Amino acid sequence: MRRLLPSPWLSLGLFGGWLLLTRSFSIGQVLLGLGVAIAMPLLMAPLRPRPGPLRRWGLLVRLILRVGAEVVHSALVVAAGVLRARSRPPRGSFVVVPLDLHDAHGLAALAMISAVIPGTVWSELAPDRSALLMHVFDLEDEAAFIQHFKTDYEQPLKEIFE
């Protein structure tokens, strides 16, 4: 069964999406939807990345909780910065963060973390994965930001994935 449906949830989603888009439950559309739901995951299987080597599950849970707290804190800081923008405009700046993390799964997780934290934007990754260019909404101390980013996000991801 696993050979026919390598991603059963994806197949179910494709089948349901097909029926919703066609707005028809005729036998032809059901069969065509089943064909798409079976064929697409099989054809796309070579493009799916291999699962990452997750180590230290406890650290992963702590990292998720830390990121959640940081999202709330940063949202409040950015909101305050927007509200006082007339009296004190934010000092937005690009920062180059040197990276020690080179694992593709860890870098993808780091990209997601920087995307969900208000006030930070992942802008560019060096071709050799040695540095990351980020934009920060209101940057007071570049060295402190880099240290915080590396200590709180990169280092735990490095321990989890490498």
C-alpha atoms as a PDB file:
ATOM      1  CA  MET A   1       0.000   0.000   0.000  1.00  0.00           C
ATOM      2  CA  ARG A   2       2.917   2.354   0.808  1.00  0.00           C
ATOM      3  CA  ARG A   3       4.266   1.953  -2.739  1.00  0.00           C
ATOM      4  CA  LEU A   4       0.933   3.002  -4.263  1.00  0.00           C
ATOM      5  CA  LEU A   5       0.346   5.853  -1.806  1.00  0.00           C
ATOM      6  CA  PRO A   6       3.705   7.192  -0.561  1.00  0.00           C
ATOM      7  CA  SER A   7       1.936  10.231   0.937  1.00  0.00           C
ATOM      8  CA  PRO A   8      -1.590   9.231   1.926  1.00  0.00           C
ATOM      9  CA  TRP A   9      -2.481  12.620   3.445  1.00  0.00           C
ATOM     10  CA  LEU A  10      -1.272  14.431   0.321  1.00  0.00           C
ATOM     11  CA  SER A  11      -3.307  12.038  -1.842  1.00  0.00           C
ATOM     12  CA  LEU A  12      -6.387  12.623   0.271  1.00  0.00           C
ATOM     13  CA  GLY A  13      -5.895  16.372   0.026  1.00  0.00           C
ATOM     14  CA  LEU A  14      -5.435  16.228  -3.745  1.00  0.00           C
ATOM     15  CA  PHE A  15      -8.536  14.070  -4.142  1.00  0.00           C
ATOM     16  CA  GLY A  16     -10.649  16.340  -1.955  1.00  0.00           C
ATOM     17  CA  GLY A  17      -9.268  19.455  -3.633  1.00  0.00           C
ATOM     18  CA  TRP A  18     -10.032  18.000  -7.059  1.00  0.00           C
ATOM     19  CA  LEU A  19     -13.634  17.319  -6.138  1.00  0.00           C
ATOM     20  CA  LEU A  20     -14.040  20.760  -4.565  1.00  0.00           C
ATOM     21  CA  LEU A  21     -12.568  22.533  -7.586  1.00  0.00           C
ATOM     22  CA  THR A  22     -14.657  20.624 -10.122  1.00  0.00           C
ATOM     23  CA  ARG A  23     -17.781  20.865  -7.915  1.00  0.00           C
ATOM     24  CA  SER A  24     -18.873  17.534  -9.300  1.00  0.00           C
ATOM     25  CA  PHE A  25     -19.223  14.075  -7.830  1.00  0.00           C
ATOM     26  CA  SER A  26     -19.827  12.349 -11.148  1.00  0.00           C
ATOM     27  CA  ILE A  27     -18.122   8.992 -11.645  1.00  0.00           C
ATOM     28  CA  GLY A  28     -15.779  10.532 -14.227  1.00  0.00           C
ATOM     29  CA  GLN A  29     -14.603  13.289 -11.902  1.00  0.00           C
ATOM     30  CA  VAL A  30     -14.209  10.866  -9.003  1.00  0.00           C
ATOM     31  CA  LEU A  31     -12.081   8.531 -11.139  1.00  0.00           C
ATOM     32  CA  LEU A  32     -10.052  11.422 -12.537  1.00  0.00           C
ATOM     33  CA  GLY A  33      -9.544  12.767  -8.999  1.00  0.00           C
ATOM     34  CA  LEU A  34      -8.382   9.341  -7.810  1.00  0.00           C
ATOM     35  CA  GLY A  35      -5.974   9.172 -10.754  1.00  0.00           C
ATOM     36  CA  VAL A  36      -4.500  12.566  -9.898  1.00  0.00           C
ATOM     37  CA  ALA A  37      -4.372  11.707  -6.179  1.00  0.00           C
ATOM     38  CA  ILE A  38      -2.408   8.528  -6.904  1.00  0.00           C
ATOM     39  CA  ALA A  39      -0.213   9.734  -9.785  1.00  0.00           C
ATOM     40  CA  MET A  40       0.987  13.103  -8.482  1.00  0.00           C
ATOM     41  CA  PRO A  41       2.643  11.912  -5.246  1.00  0.00           C
ATOM     42  CA  LEU A  42       4.302   9.063  -7.183  1.00  0.00           C
ATOM     43  CA  LEU A  43       5.623  11.455  -9.838  1.00  0.00           C
ATOM     44  CA  MET A  44       6.780  14.003  -7.272  1.00  0.00           C
ATOM     45  CA  ALA A  45       8.407  11.512  -4.856  1.00  0.00           C
ATOM     46  CA  PRO A  46      11.947  12.120  -6.217  1.00  0.00           C
ATOM     47  CA  LEU A  47      11.566  15.844  -5.471  1.00  0.00           C
ATOM     48  CA  ARG A  48      10.678  15.369  -1.799  1.00  0.00           C
ATOM     49  CA  PRO A  49      13.610  15.941   0.555  1.00  0.00           C
ATOM     50  CA  ARG A  50      14.708  13.193   2.857  1.00  0.00           C
ATOM     51  CA  PRO A  51      13.641  13.653   6.461  1.00  0.00           C
ATOM     52  CA  GLY A  52      16.180  15.466   8.560  1.00  0.00           C
ATOM     53  CA  PRO A  53      18.137  13.827  11.344  1.00  0.00           C
ATOM     54  CA  LEU A  54      16.313  15.128  14.403  1.00  0.00           C
ATOM     55  CA  ARG A  55      18.305  14.823  17.588  1.00  0.00           C
ATOM     56  CA  ARG A  56      17.543  16.169  21.031  1.00  0.00           C
ATOM     57  CA  TRP A  57      13.751  16.347  21.005  1.00  0.00           C
ATOM     58  CA  GLY A  58      13.680  18.110  24.373  1.00  0.00           C
ATOM     59  CA  LEU A  59      15.776  20.939  22.971  1.00  0.00           C
ATOM     60  CA  LEU A  60      13.410  21.152  20.001  1.00  0.00           C
ATOM     61  CA  VAL A  61      10.434  21.603  22.336  1.00  0.00           C
ATOM     62  CA  ARG A  62      12.292  24.307  24.301  1.00  0.00           C
ATOM     63  CA  LEU A  63      13.211  26.063  21.050  1.00  0.00           C
ATOM     64  CA  ILE A  64       9.578  26.056  19.912  1.00  0.00           C
ATOM     65  CA  LEU A  65       8.495  27.550  23.240  1.00  0.00           C
ATOM     66  CA  ARG A  66      11.282  30.153  23.071  1.00  0.00           C
ATOM     67  CA  VAL A  67      10.251  31.150  19.545  1.00  0.00           C
ATOM     68  CA  GLY A  68       6.610  31.417  20.649  1.00  0.00           C
ATOM     69  CA  ALA A  69       7.569  33.745  23.490  1.00  0.00           C
ATOM     70  CA  GLU A  70       9.794  35.763  21.156  1.00  0.00           C
ATOM     71  CA  VAL A  71       6.932  36.155  18.667  1.00  0.00           C
ATOM     72  CA  VAL A  72       4.726  37.683  21.364  1.00  0.00           C
ATOM     73  CA  HIS A  73       7.517  39.896  22.708  1.00  0.00           C
ATOM     74  CA  SER A  74       8.613  41.086  19.257  1.00  0.00           C
ATOM     75  CA  ALA A  75       5.041  41.793  18.211  1.00  0.00           C
ATOM     76  CA  LEU A  76       4.666  44.116  21.189  1.00  0.00           C
ATOM     77  CA  VAL A  77       8.017  45.793  20.490  1.00  0.00           C
ATOM     78  CA  VAL A  78       7.199  46.317  16.803  1.00  0.00           C
ATOM     79  CA  ALA A  79       3.719  47.625  17.652  1.00  0.00           C
ATOM     80  CA  ALA A  80       5.246  50.112  20.102  1.00  0.00           C
ATOM     81  CA  GLY A  81       7.810  51.112  17.467  1.00  0.00           C
ATOM     82  CA  VAL A  82       5.072  51.737  14.926  1.00  0.00           C
ATOM     83  CA  LEU A  83       3.027  53.779  17.406  1.00  0.00           C
ATOM     84  CA  ARG A  84       5.963  56.014  18.310  1.00  0.00           C
ATOM     85  CA  ALA A  85       7.357  56.212  14.762  1.00  0.00           C
ATOM     86  CA  ARG A  86       6.660  59.944  14.467  1.00  0.00           C
ATOM     87  CA  SER A  87       8.550  60.892  17.604  1.00  0.00           C
ATOM     88  CA  ARG A  88      11.315  58.289  17.187  1.00  0.00           C
ATOM     89  CA  PRO A  89      11.494  56.581  13.790  1.00  0.00           C
ATOM     90  CA  PRO A  90      12.667  52.953  13.850  1.00  0.00           C
ATOM     91  CA  ARG A  91      16.271  52.361  12.858  1.00  0.00           C
ATOM     92  CA  GLY A  92      15.760  49.620  10.307  1.00  0.00           C
ATOM     93  CA  SER A  93      18.977  48.050   9.149  1.00  0.00           C
ATOM     94  CA  PHE A  94      20.431  45.111   7.276  1.00  0.00           C
ATOM     95  CA  VAL A  95      22.622  42.802   9.341  1.00  0.00           C
ATOM     96  CA  VAL A  96      25.035  40.140   8.131  1.00  0.00           C
ATOM     97  CA  VAL A  97      24.913  37.176  10.501  1.00  0.00           C
ATOM     98  CA  PRO A  98      27.818  34.713  10.132  1.00  0.00           C
ATOM     99  CA  LEU A  99      26.516  31.142  10.197  1.00  0.00           C
ATOM    100  CA  ASP A 100      27.930  27.984  11.702  1.00  0.00           C
ATOM    101  CA  LEU A 101      24.813  25.997  10.739  1.00  0.00           C
ATOM    102  CA  HIS A 102      25.033  24.400   7.287  1.00  0.00           C
ATOM    103  CA  ASP A 103      22.430  21.605   7.384  1.00  0.00           C
ATOM    104  CA  ALA A 104      19.636  22.228   4.856  1.00  0.00           C
ATOM    105  CA  HIS A 105      16.892  21.240   7.317  1.00  0.00           C
ATOM    106  CA  GLY A 106      18.349  23.440  10.046  1.00  0.00           C
ATOM    107  CA  LEU A 107      18.614  26.388   7.656  1.00  0.00           C
ATOM    108  CA  ALA A 108      15.005  25.860   6.581  1.00  0.00           C
ATOM    109  CA  ALA A 109      13.943  25.907  10.240  1.00  0.00           C
ATOM    110  CA  LEU A 110      16.027  29.049  10.800  1.00  0.00           C
ATOM    111  CA  ALA A 111      14.321  30.686   7.814  1.00  0.00           C
ATOM    112  CA  MET A 112      10.900  29.850   9.269  1.00  0.00           C
ATOM    113  CA  ILE A 113      11.881  31.189  12.670  1.00  0.00           C
ATOM    114  CA  SER A 114      13.092  34.482  11.229  1.00  0.00           C
ATOM    115  CA  ALA A 115       9.928  34.713   9.120  1.00  0.00           C
ATOM    116  CA  VAL A 116       7.513  34.336  12.045  1.00  0.00           C
ATOM    117  CA  ILE A 117       9.293  36.715  14.416  1.00  0.00           C
ATOM    118  CA  PRO A 118       7.927  40.217  13.822  1.00  0.00           C
ATOM    119  CA  GLY A 119      10.578  42.750  12.919  1.00  0.00           C
ATOM    120  CA  THR A 120      12.996  40.354  11.213  1.00  0.00           C
ATOM    121  CA  VAL A 121      13.159  39.343   7.566  1.00  0.00           C
ATOM    122  CA  TRP A 122      15.468  36.713   6.072  1.00  0.00           C
ATOM    123  CA  SER A 123      16.806  38.519   3.003  1.00  0.00           C
ATOM    124  CA  GLU A 124      19.604  36.447   1.524  1.00  0.00           C
ATOM    125  CA  LEU A 125      21.737  33.395   2.214  1.00  0.00           C
ATOM    126  CA  ALA A 126      25.322  33.368   0.960  1.00  0.00           C
ATOM    127  CA  PRO A 127      25.877  30.739  -1.763  1.00  0.00           C
ATOM    128  CA  ASP A 128      28.317  28.867   0.488  1.00  0.00           C
ATOM    129  CA  ARG A 129      25.867  29.099   3.448  1.00  0.00           C
ATOM    130  CA  SER A 130      28.427  31.006   5.522  1.00  0.00           C
ATOM    131  CA  ALA A 131      26.373  34.134   6.161  1.00  0.00           C
ATOM    132  CA  LEU A 132      22.815  35.356   6.288  1.00  0.00           C
ATOM    133  CA  LEU A 133      21.593  38.833   5.388  1.00  0.00           C
ATOM    134  CA  MET A 134      18.654  39.911   7.530  1.00  0.00           C
ATOM    135  CA  HIS A 135      16.659  43.075   7.836  1.00  0.00           C
ATOM    136  CA  VAL A 136      15.789  44.152  11.361  1.00  0.00           C
ATOM    137  CA  PHE A 137      12.934  46.596  12.012  1.00  0.00           C
ATOM    138  CA  ASP A 138      14.574  48.574  14.818  1.00  0.00           C
ATOM    139  CA  LEU A 139      18.232  47.806  15.439  1.00  0.00           C
ATOM    140  CA  GLU A 140      19.941  49.366  18.448  1.00  0.00           C
ATOM    141  CA  ASP A 141      23.023  47.164  18.792  1.00  0.00           C
ATOM    142  CA  GLU A 142      24.104  45.017  15.843  1.00  0.00           C
ATOM    143  CA  ALA A 143      26.550  42.885  17.840  1.00  0.00           C
ATOM    144  CA  ALA A 144      23.936  42.165  20.509  1.00  0.00           C
ATOM    145  CA  PHE A 145      21.367  41.199  17.854  1.00  0.00           C
ATOM    146  CA  ILE A 146      23.828  38.826  16.147  1.00  0.00           C
ATOM    147  CA  GLN A 147      24.755  37.239  19.479  1.00  0.00           C
ATOM    148  CA  HIS A 148      21.072  36.829  20.435  1.00  0.00           C
ATOM    149  CA  PHE A 149      20.217  35.307  17.038  1.00  0.00           C
ATOM    150  CA  LYS A 150      23.115  32.862  17.098  1.00  0.00           C
ATOM    151  CA  THR A 151      22.656  31.853  20.746  1.00  0.00           C
ATOM    152  CA  ASP A 152      18.867  31.567  20.823  1.00  0.00           C
ATOM    153  CA  TYR A 153      18.143  30.129  17.366  1.00  0.00           C
ATOM    154  CA  GLU A 154      21.195  28.970  15.407  1.00  0.00           C
ATOM    155  CA  GLN A 155      22.965  27.077  18.194  1.00  0.00           C
ATOM    156  CA  PRO A 156      19.924  25.002  19.246  1.00  0.00           C
ATOM    157  CA  LEU A 157      19.191  24.178  15.603  1.00  0.00           C
ATOM    158  CA  LYS A 158      22.766  23.123  15.097  1.00  0.00           C
ATOM    159  CA  GLU A 159      22.503  20.775  18.085  1.00  0.00           C
ATOM    160  CA  ILE A 160      19.169  19.404  16.811  1.00  0.00           C
ATOM    161  CA  PHE A 161      20.134  18.826  13.158  1.00  0.00           C
ATOM    162  CA  GLU A 162      23.903  18.332  12.994  1.00  0.00           C
END
